């Protein structure tokens, strides 16, 4: 067999667009960024939507749950499709299919139809799995965690920017003479159109691997071995990572869904003001998730997978403490300071988790990425039930979540992720891909 023309990159030149690896890297995180506009574009508009549709607190809670629950199944399916169909086709199909409920959610005029649209839109959350899979393929093991974290973090930044951008878009539409109920509906056309544009860009300008698309190259595994879903998931480390991701990314998407409402209701703000403070949480992704991946790679190079696992456990413990402090903050200034604090540890934990995922079983990266990613959404869904309860406040819900996250961090100190599973060279990676 001839040597491959292109190999996974061993560095991350973030300002470079040359080569299929860096071109794919930038298009992937930009696409994930746009997906967040579609996935969570409704969240900062919820004060207007709640008033328009007359939603109760339990009904608002159900829409938050719907936004993340559909993603659970979608991430499992998409992870498998990445392994078999390829990330390029999978992402393109997801973007096209997801754009339609985003653009047409404005047709909802009652709670039931709005809930169904919110459920359909939730499928877009599977975009994360493709992002991490595609980035993993393009970079060598020693830089894989950093590349995954930067791509995921910059993409997640969309979840923060949309908190301010969508209320501004809605306010602009109102400025042209439309009513607020009309404006939030028209505003959602914008992210849907962006998704269709990125579908074309992704299909046209990316490749499945550094050497080409799946249907252009011969893909083999060692001795023809194929890793089944259940064999890949038999590893306890997969479930430990799923639990960890439920506590960090699950909390992130939960907070994305309730942050604007929390600031709007507790500090008597307008939608744009509440959106601005909520945006700060997501804006931390510009560096915090990448920082988690960078630190994890450095720890991994020195102490192996065991070191990465201990780092992740410590980050979760600190995240839980920070959430508990946020829950008990009695002023806007304290709420913002504690929010930024727990956001730092949360997003670093996100990056640290996916600095481990590609090494658990290099022959089943898609499957494991999907399972761990689905774990994040299961966490978000379960947390959503706390926010729909009539008997507890949002502040109490945050306090309970903080305790659970801290306890999970302590539990993960007991898990040995093992050093031997790390793939040492890019050549070995290519042989087992």
Foldseek 3Di string as FASTA:
>chain_A
DDDFPDFAAADCPQVDCDAQLNVLLVLLLVLLLLLLCLLLLCQLVVVLVCVQQVDDQLLLLLLLLLSQQLCLVLLLVLLVCCLPVFLLVSLLVLLLQLLVLLLCCLVDRYSVSNSVSSNSNSSSLSSLLSSLLQNQQRHKLLCSLLSNLQSNLSSLLSLLVSLQVLVVQLVVVVVVPDDSSVSNNNSSNVSSVVSNVSSVVSNPRHARHSRGHPVVDDAAAVVRDAQDLVNLPVDVVLVLLLQLLLLQLLVVSLCSNCQLVCCCPQVVDDSNVSSNLSSLLSNLSNPLSSVLSVVLSVQCVVPAPQSLLLLLLVLLLQLLVLLLQLLPDDDPVSNSVSSNRSSSSSSSSVSSSSSLQCQLAVLSSSNSSSNSSSSNSVSNSVLSVVSSDPVDHPSVSSNVSSVVSNVSSVVSNPDRSDRVSRDDTSVVSRNRD
